[in-house]
N, C-alpha and C. Protein backbone atom coordinates (compact mmCIF):
# COMPACT_ATOMS: atom_id res chain seq x y z
N MET A 1 -36.36 -17.22 44.55
CA MET A 1 -36.37 -16.10 43.49
C MET A 1 -35.05 -15.60 43.19
N LEU A 2 -34.06 -15.72 43.91
CA LEU A 2 -32.78 -15.44 43.84
C LEU A 2 -32.09 -16.23 42.72
N LYS A 3 -32.31 -17.53 42.85
CA LYS A 3 -31.83 -18.48 41.87
C LYS A 3 -32.40 -18.05 40.47
N ILE A 4 -33.67 -17.67 40.49
CA ILE A 4 -34.27 -17.47 39.05
C ILE A 4 -33.68 -16.16 38.41
N ARG A 5 -33.37 -15.24 39.23
CA ARG A 5 -32.75 -14.07 38.57
C ARG A 5 -31.19 -14.33 38.31
N ALA A 6 -30.68 -15.04 39.01
CA ALA A 6 -29.26 -15.53 38.80
C ALA A 6 -29.26 -16.23 37.28
N ARG A 7 -30.21 -17.19 37.27
CA ARG A 7 -30.38 -17.95 36.00
C ARG A 7 -30.69 -17.12 34.86
N LEU A 8 -31.52 -16.13 35.01
CA LEU A 8 -32.00 -15.28 34.10
C LEU A 8 -30.69 -14.35 33.56
N ALA A 9 -30.05 -13.90 34.49
CA ALA A 9 -28.74 -13.01 34.31
C ALA A 9 -27.86 -13.79 33.53
N PHE A 10 -27.71 -15.01 33.94
CA PHE A 10 -26.74 -15.93 33.16
C PHE A 10 -27.17 -16.15 31.71
N THR A 11 -28.39 -16.44 31.39
CA THR A 11 -29.01 -16.50 30.13
C THR A 11 -28.81 -15.32 29.23
N VAL A 12 -29.12 -14.23 29.99
CA VAL A 12 -29.06 -12.91 29.11
C VAL A 12 -27.63 -12.74 28.70
N ILE A 13 -26.67 -12.93 29.63
CA ILE A 13 -25.14 -12.72 29.40
C ILE A 13 -24.63 -13.69 28.19
N SER A 14 -25.10 -14.96 28.44
CA SER A 14 -24.77 -15.96 27.45
C SER A 14 -25.34 -15.59 26.09
N ALA A 15 -26.55 -15.22 25.99
CA ALA A 15 -26.94 -14.64 24.71
C ALA A 15 -26.37 -13.64 24.32
N SER A 16 -25.85 -12.65 25.09
CA SER A 16 -25.19 -11.33 24.50
C SER A 16 -23.87 -11.86 24.08
N THR A 17 -23.16 -12.72 24.89
CA THR A 17 -21.94 -13.09 24.38
C THR A 17 -21.92 -13.80 22.97
N ALA A 18 -23.00 -14.67 22.83
CA ALA A 18 -23.17 -15.53 21.61
C ALA A 18 -23.40 -14.35 20.37
N LEU A 19 -24.18 -13.46 20.79
CA LEU A 19 -24.54 -12.56 19.69
C LEU A 19 -23.36 -11.88 19.33
N ALA A 20 -22.37 -11.44 20.19
CA ALA A 20 -21.22 -10.60 20.09
C ALA A 20 -20.40 -11.43 19.26
N ALA A 21 -20.09 -12.78 19.50
CA ALA A 21 -19.24 -13.69 18.91
C ALA A 21 -19.70 -13.92 17.40
N SER A 22 -20.91 -13.98 17.12
CA SER A 22 -21.51 -14.10 15.80
C SER A 22 -21.09 -12.91 14.97
N LEU A 23 -21.25 -11.74 15.62
CA LEU A 23 -21.01 -10.42 14.75
C LEU A 23 -19.54 -10.28 14.44
N LEU A 24 -18.91 -10.90 15.41
CA LEU A 24 -17.21 -10.59 15.04
C LEU A 24 -16.94 -11.57 14.12
N THR A 25 -17.42 -12.66 13.86
CA THR A 25 -17.25 -13.65 12.88
C THR A 25 -18.19 -13.65 11.70
N SER A 26 -18.77 -12.81 11.43
CA SER A 26 -19.74 -12.63 10.29
C SER A 26 -19.07 -12.63 9.06
N PRO A 27 -19.37 -13.11 7.82
CA PRO A 27 -18.65 -12.97 6.67
C PRO A 27 -18.25 -11.60 6.25
N ALA A 28 -19.03 -10.66 6.53
CA ALA A 28 -18.77 -9.30 6.04
C ALA A 28 -17.54 -8.80 7.06
N VAL A 29 -17.49 -9.13 8.28
CA VAL A 29 -16.36 -8.83 9.13
C VAL A 29 -15.08 -9.39 8.70
N ALA A 30 -15.19 -10.88 8.35
CA ALA A 30 -14.15 -11.60 8.08
C ALA A 30 -13.63 -10.99 6.57
N GLU A 31 -14.43 -10.75 5.63
CA GLU A 31 -14.04 -10.22 4.33
C GLU A 31 -13.24 -8.80 4.56
N GLN A 32 -13.83 -8.12 5.36
CA GLN A 32 -13.16 -6.70 5.72
C GLN A 32 -11.73 -6.87 6.40
N ALA A 33 -11.53 -7.87 7.23
CA ALA A 33 -10.36 -8.24 7.93
C ALA A 33 -9.17 -8.77 6.79
N LEU A 34 -9.86 -9.52 5.93
CA LEU A 34 -9.10 -10.09 4.93
C LEU A 34 -8.51 -9.00 3.97
N ALA A 35 -9.40 -7.98 3.57
CA ALA A 35 -9.06 -6.86 2.73
C ALA A 35 -8.14 -5.91 3.31
N GLU A 36 -8.12 -5.98 4.83
CA GLU A 36 -7.15 -4.98 5.48
C GLU A 36 -5.78 -5.56 5.30
N ALA A 37 -5.89 -6.97 5.37
CA ALA A 37 -4.29 -7.71 5.21
C ALA A 37 -3.95 -7.45 3.74
N GLY A 38 -4.92 -7.56 2.82
CA GLY A 38 -4.52 -7.45 1.43
C GLY A 38 -3.96 -6.00 1.20
N LYS A 39 -4.46 -4.96 1.84
CA LYS A 39 -3.84 -3.64 1.65
C LYS A 39 -2.46 -3.74 1.90
N ARG A 40 -1.88 -4.32 2.92
CA ARG A 40 -0.49 -4.42 3.16
C ARG A 40 0.25 -5.10 1.96
N HIS A 41 -0.27 -6.10 1.09
CA HIS A 41 0.31 -6.67 0.00
C HIS A 41 0.18 -5.65 -1.27
N TYR A 42 -0.73 -4.68 -1.33
CA TYR A 42 -0.76 -3.84 -2.36
C TYR A 42 0.15 -2.81 -2.66
N ILE A 43 1.10 -2.84 -1.64
CA ILE A 43 2.32 -1.94 -1.76
C ILE A 43 3.26 -2.32 -3.00
N ARG A 44 3.09 -3.75 -3.09
CA ARG A 44 3.93 -4.31 -4.11
C ARG A 44 3.52 -3.77 -5.69
N CYS A 45 2.12 -3.52 -5.69
CA CYS A 45 1.50 -3.16 -6.85
C CYS A 45 1.62 -1.54 -6.92
N SER A 46 1.68 -0.90 -5.94
CA SER A 46 1.66 0.53 -5.95
C SER A 46 2.69 1.31 -6.63
N ALA A 47 3.76 0.69 -6.93
CA ALA A 47 4.95 1.36 -7.58
C ALA A 47 4.42 1.74 -9.16
N CYS A 48 3.65 0.68 -9.66
CA CYS A 48 3.12 0.82 -11.05
C CYS A 48 1.73 1.18 -11.25
N HIS A 49 0.96 0.62 -10.38
CA HIS A 49 -0.50 0.75 -10.57
C HIS A 49 -1.14 1.70 -9.65
N ALA A 50 -1.85 2.66 -10.02
CA ALA A 50 -2.94 3.36 -9.14
C ALA A 50 -4.05 2.66 -8.64
N LEU A 51 -4.76 2.78 -7.61
CA LEU A 51 -5.96 2.26 -7.27
C LEU A 51 -7.25 2.84 -7.93
N SER A 52 -7.27 4.16 -8.20
CA SER A 52 -8.03 4.89 -8.65
C SER A 52 -7.89 5.38 -10.14
N ALA A 53 -8.95 5.37 -10.95
CA ALA A 53 -8.80 5.85 -12.34
C ALA A 53 -8.42 7.32 -12.26
N ASP A 54 -8.57 8.05 -11.07
CA ASP A 54 -8.30 9.51 -11.06
C ASP A 54 -6.85 9.74 -10.52
N GLY A 55 -6.24 8.47 -10.00
CA GLY A 55 -4.95 8.63 -9.56
C GLY A 55 -3.81 9.04 -10.62
N PRO A 56 -2.74 9.03 -9.87
CA PRO A 56 -1.52 9.39 -10.75
C PRO A 56 -1.35 8.36 -11.89
N SER A 57 -0.99 8.91 -13.10
CA SER A 57 -0.65 7.88 -14.04
C SER A 57 0.73 7.23 -14.03
N ASN A 58 0.66 5.97 -13.70
CA ASN A 58 1.93 5.09 -13.55
C ASN A 58 2.35 4.27 -14.74
N LEU A 59 3.20 3.48 -14.61
CA LEU A 59 3.61 2.46 -15.75
C LEU A 59 2.40 1.49 -16.06
N GLY A 60 1.69 1.20 -15.02
CA GLY A 60 0.67 0.17 -15.40
C GLY A 60 -0.68 0.88 -15.41
N PRO A 61 -1.73 0.09 -15.96
CA PRO A 61 -2.99 0.64 -15.85
C PRO A 61 -3.49 0.84 -14.50
N HIS A 62 -4.64 1.59 -14.11
CA HIS A 62 -5.16 1.61 -12.73
C HIS A 62 -5.98 0.45 -12.41
N LEU A 63 -6.01 0.12 -11.02
CA LEU A 63 -6.77 -1.15 -10.64
C LEU A 63 -8.10 -1.03 -10.25
N GLU A 64 -8.77 0.24 -10.33
CA GLU A 64 -10.18 0.66 -10.01
C GLU A 64 -10.97 -0.42 -10.88
N ASN A 65 -11.80 -1.17 -10.07
CA ASN A 65 -12.71 -2.10 -10.71
C ASN A 65 -11.98 -3.21 -11.66
N ILE A 66 -10.91 -3.58 -11.12
CA ILE A 66 -10.24 -4.67 -11.84
C ILE A 66 -10.74 -5.85 -11.86
N VAL A 67 -11.46 -6.36 -10.70
CA VAL A 67 -12.22 -7.61 -10.66
C VAL A 67 -13.49 -7.44 -11.55
N GLY A 68 -13.47 -8.36 -12.58
CA GLY A 68 -14.59 -8.35 -13.55
C GLY A 68 -14.36 -7.81 -14.81
N ARG A 69 -13.07 -6.86 -14.83
CA ARG A 69 -12.83 -6.16 -16.07
C ARG A 69 -12.17 -6.98 -17.04
N LEU A 70 -12.37 -6.86 -18.37
CA LEU A 70 -11.82 -7.56 -19.44
C LEU A 70 -10.39 -7.00 -19.48
N ALA A 71 -9.52 -8.09 -19.79
CA ALA A 71 -8.00 -7.90 -19.99
C ALA A 71 -7.79 -6.86 -20.93
N GLY A 72 -6.89 -5.63 -20.63
CA GLY A 72 -6.33 -4.96 -21.87
C GLY A 72 -7.44 -4.32 -22.29
N SER A 73 -8.45 -3.71 -21.47
CA SER A 73 -9.62 -2.97 -21.95
C SER A 73 -9.74 -1.46 -21.73
N LEU A 74 -8.92 -0.86 -20.86
CA LEU A 74 -8.98 0.30 -20.33
C LEU A 74 -8.81 1.15 -21.63
N GLU A 75 -9.85 2.20 -22.10
CA GLU A 75 -9.64 2.90 -23.19
C GLU A 75 -8.82 4.17 -22.95
N ASP A 76 -8.38 4.77 -21.75
CA ASP A 76 -7.51 5.67 -21.36
C ASP A 76 -6.20 5.33 -21.06
N TYR A 77 -5.92 4.01 -21.28
CA TYR A 77 -4.50 3.52 -21.03
C TYR A 77 -3.87 3.04 -22.29
N GLU A 78 -2.71 3.33 -22.49
CA GLU A 78 -2.18 2.91 -23.82
C GLU A 78 -1.29 1.76 -23.50
N TYR A 79 -1.69 0.58 -23.76
CA TYR A 79 -0.96 -0.70 -23.56
C TYR A 79 -0.07 -0.84 -24.38
N THR A 80 1.16 -1.28 -23.90
CA THR A 80 2.46 -1.62 -24.81
C THR A 80 2.57 -3.05 -24.95
N GLU A 81 1.86 -3.89 -24.30
CA GLU A 81 2.12 -5.28 -24.39
C GLU A 81 1.02 -6.02 -25.21
N GLU A 82 1.44 -6.34 -26.48
CA GLU A 82 0.46 -7.09 -27.35
C GLU A 82 -0.04 -8.37 -26.61
N ALA A 83 0.70 -9.13 -25.69
CA ALA A 83 0.39 -10.25 -25.14
C ALA A 83 -0.96 -9.97 -24.12
N LEU A 84 -1.11 -8.69 -23.63
CA LEU A 84 -2.46 -8.52 -22.91
C LEU A 84 -3.54 -7.93 -23.61
N ILE A 85 -3.21 -7.07 -24.77
CA ILE A 85 -4.12 -6.54 -25.50
C ILE A 85 -5.04 -7.78 -26.19
N ASN A 86 -4.43 -8.76 -26.68
CA ASN A 86 -4.96 -9.67 -27.47
C ASN A 86 -5.71 -10.99 -26.64
N GLN A 87 -5.79 -10.64 -25.30
CA GLN A 87 -6.54 -11.62 -24.39
C GLN A 87 -8.05 -11.31 -24.52
N SER A 88 -8.76 -12.48 -24.15
CA SER A 88 -10.25 -12.33 -24.11
C SER A 88 -10.55 -12.89 -22.74
N PHE A 89 -9.78 -12.77 -21.78
CA PHE A 89 -10.49 -13.14 -20.58
C PHE A 89 -10.77 -12.02 -19.58
N HIS A 90 -11.49 -12.15 -18.49
CA HIS A 90 -11.68 -11.02 -17.57
C HIS A 90 -11.13 -11.43 -16.27
N TRP A 91 -10.77 -10.39 -15.54
CA TRP A 91 -9.94 -10.42 -14.51
C TRP A 91 -11.00 -10.84 -13.35
N ASP A 92 -11.43 -12.03 -13.15
CA ASP A 92 -12.24 -12.50 -12.13
C ASP A 92 -11.08 -12.93 -11.05
N GLU A 93 -11.95 -13.53 -9.85
CA GLU A 93 -10.82 -13.89 -8.85
C GLU A 93 -9.86 -15.11 -9.03
N ALA A 94 -10.45 -16.00 -9.90
CA ALA A 94 -9.54 -17.32 -10.27
C ALA A 94 -8.42 -16.69 -11.28
N THR A 95 -8.75 -15.88 -12.13
CA THR A 95 -7.77 -15.32 -13.12
C THR A 95 -6.74 -14.35 -12.42
N LEU A 96 -7.13 -13.62 -11.48
CA LEU A 96 -6.28 -12.86 -10.39
C LEU A 96 -5.43 -13.71 -9.59
N GLU A 97 -6.11 -14.66 -9.02
CA GLU A 97 -5.20 -15.75 -8.35
C GLU A 97 -4.21 -16.37 -9.23
N GLU A 98 -4.42 -16.80 -10.33
CA GLU A 98 -3.37 -17.30 -11.26
C GLU A 98 -2.23 -16.31 -11.57
N TRP A 99 -2.92 -15.13 -11.82
CA TRP A 99 -1.82 -13.97 -12.27
C TRP A 99 -0.94 -13.58 -11.06
N LEU A 100 -1.61 -13.36 -9.96
CA LEU A 100 -0.59 -13.08 -8.85
C LEU A 100 0.09 -14.10 -8.37
N ARG A 101 -0.12 -15.42 -8.65
CA ARG A 101 0.85 -16.39 -8.31
C ARG A 101 2.17 -16.32 -9.10
N LYS A 102 2.03 -16.34 -10.39
CA LYS A 102 3.20 -16.27 -11.21
C LYS A 102 2.67 -15.55 -12.65
N PRO A 103 2.92 -14.20 -12.75
CA PRO A 103 2.38 -13.68 -13.98
C PRO A 103 3.05 -14.01 -15.27
N GLN A 104 4.31 -14.36 -15.09
CA GLN A 104 5.14 -14.74 -16.19
C GLN A 104 4.77 -16.11 -16.94
N GLU A 105 4.20 -16.95 -15.88
CA GLU A 105 3.62 -18.17 -16.43
C GLU A 105 2.40 -18.14 -17.18
N MET A 106 1.52 -17.14 -16.74
CA MET A 106 0.23 -16.97 -17.40
C MET A 106 0.42 -16.04 -18.63
N LEU A 107 1.11 -15.18 -18.73
CA LEU A 107 1.57 -14.52 -19.96
C LEU A 107 2.99 -14.41 -20.05
N PRO A 108 3.61 -15.31 -20.71
CA PRO A 108 5.31 -15.42 -20.79
C PRO A 108 5.84 -14.25 -21.48
N ASP A 109 5.15 -13.56 -22.45
CA ASP A 109 5.61 -12.41 -23.32
C ASP A 109 5.44 -11.19 -22.52
N MET A 110 4.91 -11.12 -21.43
CA MET A 110 4.58 -9.93 -20.66
C MET A 110 5.70 -9.29 -19.88
N CYS A 111 6.18 -8.18 -20.01
CA CYS A 111 7.31 -7.70 -19.26
C CYS A 111 6.81 -6.95 -18.04
N MET A 112 7.11 -7.48 -16.85
CA MET A 112 6.48 -6.93 -15.79
C MET A 112 7.20 -7.22 -14.58
N PRO A 113 7.86 -6.26 -13.72
CA PRO A 113 8.80 -6.68 -12.69
C PRO A 113 8.35 -7.11 -11.50
N PHE A 114 7.21 -7.87 -11.39
CA PHE A 114 6.59 -8.59 -10.42
C PHE A 114 6.47 -9.97 -10.52
N PHE A 115 7.10 -10.64 -9.66
CA PHE A 115 7.37 -12.17 -10.04
C PHE A 115 6.37 -13.02 -9.20
N GLY A 116 5.29 -12.34 -8.54
CA GLY A 116 4.32 -13.13 -7.95
C GLY A 116 4.41 -13.19 -6.53
N LEU A 117 3.21 -13.55 -5.75
CA LEU A 117 2.97 -13.75 -4.63
C LEU A 117 2.98 -15.28 -4.10
N PRO A 118 4.05 -15.76 -3.55
CA PRO A 118 3.85 -17.18 -3.36
C PRO A 118 2.91 -17.93 -2.37
N ARG A 119 2.46 -17.12 -1.48
CA ARG A 119 1.66 -17.60 -0.52
C ARG A 119 0.11 -17.38 -1.01
N ALA A 120 -0.66 -18.45 -0.93
CA ALA A 120 -2.07 -18.38 -1.37
C ALA A 120 -2.87 -17.30 -0.49
N GLU A 121 -2.52 -17.25 0.81
CA GLU A 121 -3.37 -16.48 1.74
C GLU A 121 -3.09 -14.90 1.43
N HIS A 122 -1.77 -14.61 0.89
CA HIS A 122 -1.55 -13.37 0.53
C HIS A 122 -2.18 -12.95 -0.67
N ARG A 123 -2.34 -13.85 -1.65
CA ARG A 123 -3.15 -13.54 -3.03
C ARG A 123 -4.65 -13.44 -2.62
N GLU A 124 -5.15 -14.23 -1.78
CA GLU A 124 -6.57 -14.14 -1.39
C GLU A 124 -6.76 -12.70 -0.77
N ALA A 125 -5.91 -12.31 0.08
CA ALA A 125 -5.96 -11.13 0.88
C ALA A 125 -5.96 -9.82 -0.11
N LEU A 126 -5.06 -9.91 -1.21
CA LEU A 126 -4.91 -8.75 -1.96
C LEU A 126 -5.97 -8.68 -2.88
N ILE A 127 -6.69 -9.87 -3.39
CA ILE A 127 -7.75 -9.96 -4.42
C ILE A 127 -8.85 -9.30 -3.54
N ALA A 128 -9.09 -9.62 -2.25
CA ALA A 128 -10.32 -8.90 -1.34
C ALA A 128 -10.05 -7.58 -1.41
N TYR A 129 -8.76 -7.08 -1.21
CA TYR A 129 -8.69 -5.64 -1.22
C TYR A 129 -8.99 -4.93 -2.36
N LEU A 130 -8.60 -5.65 -3.48
CA LEU A 130 -8.79 -4.90 -4.89
C LEU A 130 -10.33 -4.97 -5.22
N LYS A 131 -11.11 -5.87 -4.52
CA LYS A 131 -12.46 -5.79 -4.97
C LYS A 131 -13.11 -4.64 -4.14
N ASN A 132 -12.57 -4.04 -3.21
CA ASN A 132 -13.15 -2.90 -2.59
C ASN A 132 -12.04 -2.17 -1.88
N PRO A 133 -11.22 -1.45 -2.55
CA PRO A 133 -9.96 -0.89 -1.94
C PRO A 133 -10.44 0.50 -1.28
N THR A 134 -9.66 0.76 -0.11
CA THR A 134 -9.70 1.95 0.62
C THR A 134 -8.27 2.42 0.79
N PRO A 135 -8.32 3.84 0.49
CA PRO A 135 -6.95 4.46 0.70
C PRO A 135 -6.29 4.40 2.05
């Protein structure tokens, strides 16, 4: 009887451990951790871009809902760069990846004091953060 209880206790503990491990490595938890890492990289953007449409007016357009937005399409922002206004692409993850890697390669006529994030994992993290930013 004691062996059965010990085996049952071991099974319950093993199942609990497996459940806890699966929760810790779930896609949602992993995405949240990636976004938290991206928050650290946003500091490079914050000098010119607010996260919120209600945020302070900076040099660049706000980044609220940037993922999926048509480039150069904010009605309440006066774009000074014809290079961006005349584009017909959306800021999807692939386009943001390219932009964050080397913005001047993507739009050579764009005047922006940001020269890119060289590491792919930093770009991935920043994009994850921009999808659902938290202050």
